[in-house]
Protein backbone atom coordinates (compact mmCIF):
# COMPACT_ATOMS: atom_id res chain seq x y z
CA MET A 1 -21.90 94.54 -39.23
CA ARG A 2 -22.75 96.52 -36.12
CA GLY A 3 -20.53 97.27 -33.16
CA ARG A 4 -16.79 96.32 -32.69
CA PRO A 5 -15.32 93.51 -34.91
CA ARG A 6 -14.77 90.36 -32.94
CA ILE A 7 -11.17 89.12 -32.86
CA VAL A 8 -11.23 85.34 -32.49
CA SER A 9 -7.90 83.52 -32.21
CA PRO A 10 -7.92 80.09 -33.70
CA VAL A 11 -8.17 77.29 -31.15
CA ARG A 12 -5.11 75.11 -31.29
CA THR A 13 -5.71 71.46 -30.74
CA PRO A 14 -3.12 69.87 -28.41
CA THR A 15 -0.86 67.39 -30.11
CA PRO A 16 -1.15 64.01 -28.43
CA VAL A 17 1.71 62.79 -26.51
CA ALA A 18 3.44 59.91 -28.28
CA GLU A 19 2.65 56.76 -26.37
CA PRO A 20 4.85 53.63 -26.73
CA ARG A 21 3.29 51.16 -29.12
CA LEU A 22 0.91 48.99 -27.15
CA GLU A 23 1.55 45.24 -27.38
CA PRO A 24 -0.86 42.51 -26.20
CA ALA A 25 0.00 40.78 -22.86
CA VAL A 26 2.07 37.89 -23.77
CA PRO A 27 1.50 34.81 -21.72
CA GLU A 28 4.58 33.10 -20.33
CA ARG A 29 5.05 30.12 -18.08
CA GLU A 30 1.88 28.14 -18.49
CA GLY A 31 -0.29 31.17 -19.47
CA ASP A 32 1.05 33.54 -16.75
CA VAL A 33 1.23 37.17 -17.81
CA SER A 34 2.82 40.42 -16.45
CA LEU A 35 0.32 42.49 -14.57
CA ASP A 36 1.68 45.65 -15.99
CA ALA A 37 1.12 44.41 -19.58
CA LEU A 38 -2.30 43.11 -18.64
CA VAL A 39 -3.35 46.46 -17.16
CA ARG A 40 -2.23 48.30 -20.28
CA GLU A 41 -4.24 46.02 -22.53
CA TRP A 42 -7.25 46.23 -20.27
CA LEU A 43 -7.13 50.02 -20.34
CA LEU A 44 -6.84 49.88 -24.09
CA GLU A 45 -9.94 47.79 -24.19
CA LEU A 46 -11.86 50.20 -22.14
CA LYS A 47 -10.87 53.02 -24.46
CA VAL A 48 -11.97 50.99 -27.49
CA MET A 49 -15.22 50.16 -25.82
CA GLY A 50 -15.96 53.90 -25.41
CA ARG A 51 -15.39 54.43 -21.70
CA SER A 52 -14.92 58.02 -20.84
CA PRO A 53 -11.31 59.32 -20.44
CA ARG A 54 -12.15 60.23 -16.90
CA THR A 55 -13.18 56.68 -16.09
CA ILE A 56 -10.13 55.18 -17.72
CA ASP A 57 -7.93 57.69 -15.83
CA TRP A 58 -9.63 56.72 -12.55
CA TYR A 59 -9.05 52.97 -13.24
CA ALA A 60 -5.38 53.71 -14.34
CA GLN A 61 -4.85 55.71 -11.00
CA LYS A 62 -6.21 52.83 -8.90
CA MET A 63 -3.94 50.22 -10.79
CA ARG A 64 -0.77 52.49 -10.51
CA SER A 65 -1.45 52.67 -6.76
CA TYR A 66 -2.01 48.92 -6.39
CA LEU A 67 1.06 47.97 -8.60
CA ALA A 68 3.33 50.37 -6.57
CA ALA A 69 2.01 49.04 -3.18
CA SER A 70 1.88 45.29 -4.06
CA LYS A 71 4.55 42.78 -4.56
CA ALA A 72 2.37 41.08 -7.21
CA THR A 73 3.93 41.50 -10.74
CA ARG A 74 2.27 38.60 -12.50
CA LEU A 75 -1.41 37.62 -12.94
CA SER A 76 -0.84 34.34 -11.01
CA GLU A 77 0.15 36.42 -7.94
CA LEU A 78 -3.14 38.40 -7.99
CA THR A 79 -5.15 36.03 -5.79
CA ALA A 80 -8.00 36.36 -3.36
CA PHE A 81 -5.65 36.36 -0.55
CA GLU A 82 -3.50 39.01 -2.15
CA LEU A 83 -6.55 41.30 -2.71
CA LYS A 84 -7.68 40.86 0.98
CA ARG A 85 -4.18 41.55 2.14
CA PHE A 86 -4.11 44.72 0.21
CA LEU A 87 -7.59 45.89 1.14
CA GLY A 88 -6.62 45.19 4.83
CA GLU A 89 -3.60 47.39 4.37
CA LEU A 90 -5.72 50.21 2.98
CA ARG A 91 -8.10 49.88 5.95
CA ASP A 92 -5.11 49.87 8.33
CA ARG A 93 -3.95 53.19 6.72
CA GLY A 94 -7.31 54.73 7.64
CA LEU A 95 -8.63 55.20 4.09
CA ALA A 96 -12.27 55.86 3.61
CA PRO A 97 -14.59 52.77 2.90
CA ASN A 98 -15.54 54.29 -0.50
CA THR A 99 -11.91 54.36 -1.47
CA ILE A 100 -11.27 50.80 -0.46
CA HIS A 101 -14.45 49.74 -2.26
CA GLY A 102 -13.07 51.64 -5.40
CA PHE A 103 -9.85 49.55 -5.30
CA PHE A 104 -11.78 46.37 -4.80
CA GLU A 105 -14.11 47.17 -7.77
CA THR A 106 -11.16 48.07 -10.03
CA LEU A 107 -9.16 44.90 -9.34
CA LYS A 108 -12.28 42.77 -9.59
CA ALA A 109 -13.13 44.42 -12.93
CA LEU A 110 -9.63 43.64 -14.21
CA ALA A 111 -9.72 40.10 -13.07
CA SER A 112 -13.27 39.55 -14.68
CA TRP A 113 -12.05 40.93 -18.00
CA ALA A 114 -8.94 38.82 -17.84
CA GLN A 115 -11.04 35.71 -17.32
CA ARG A 116 -13.36 36.73 -20.20
CA GLU A 117 -10.06 37.06 -22.41
CA HIS A 118 -9.15 33.59 -21.32
CA TYR A 119 -6.28 34.45 -19.11
CA PRO A 120 -5.77 32.14 -16.13
CA VAL A 121 -7.46 33.88 -13.15
CA ASP A 122 -7.66 32.74 -9.57
CA ALA A 123 -11.13 31.42 -9.19
CA ASP A 124 -11.40 32.46 -5.53
CA LEU A 125 -10.64 36.09 -6.62
CA LEU A 126 -13.57 36.00 -8.87
CA ARG A 127 -15.92 34.83 -6.13
CA LEU A 128 -14.72 37.45 -3.65
CA ARG A 129 -17.42 39.63 -2.28
CA ALA A 130 -17.14 43.39 -2.02
CA PRO A 131 -16.30 45.08 1.21
CA LYS A 132 -19.15 46.72 2.97
CA VAL A 133 -19.58 50.50 2.50
CA PRO A 134 -21.65 52.28 5.14
CA GLU A 135 -24.87 53.94 3.93
CA LYS A 136 -24.93 57.67 4.50
CA GLU A 137 -28.28 59.13 5.37
CA MET A 138 -28.88 62.17 3.13
CA GLU A 139 -30.12 65.20 5.01
CA THR A 140 -33.48 66.17 3.67
CA TYR A 141 -35.00 69.70 3.73
CA SER A 142 -38.65 70.38 4.20
CA THR A 143 -40.74 73.52 3.74
CA ARG A 144 -42.86 72.41 6.69
CA ASN A 145 -41.97 73.13 10.17
């Protein structure tokens, strides 16, 4: 061996934080379910389906913000009107169109997944169209003058 000996310290793998045992969302009152439980189940599904941790964190952040700002606590309260109200509130706060669109896509993805899992979802919510996001023209550079 030539040169100085390399000193390599072993890499410690972080121990995962113990999470509470995840339970499936349990329907109550004619199939209605807690939004909080439904979101946890959906995020677990995304993990199982191989979505990246960064993607799951992005969805989780959007859902935490929505649940904190909304009065909706049950799936039956997540309606097309409620989503429009929430998006309007975000627009009134002056948030960027891409941010608003991200909230729309997240909530719509949750609703679509819930419908595929046979939870009762507001049909109007599933038909709601995405808010418009302005196209930004990319600045191009040329070698020609």
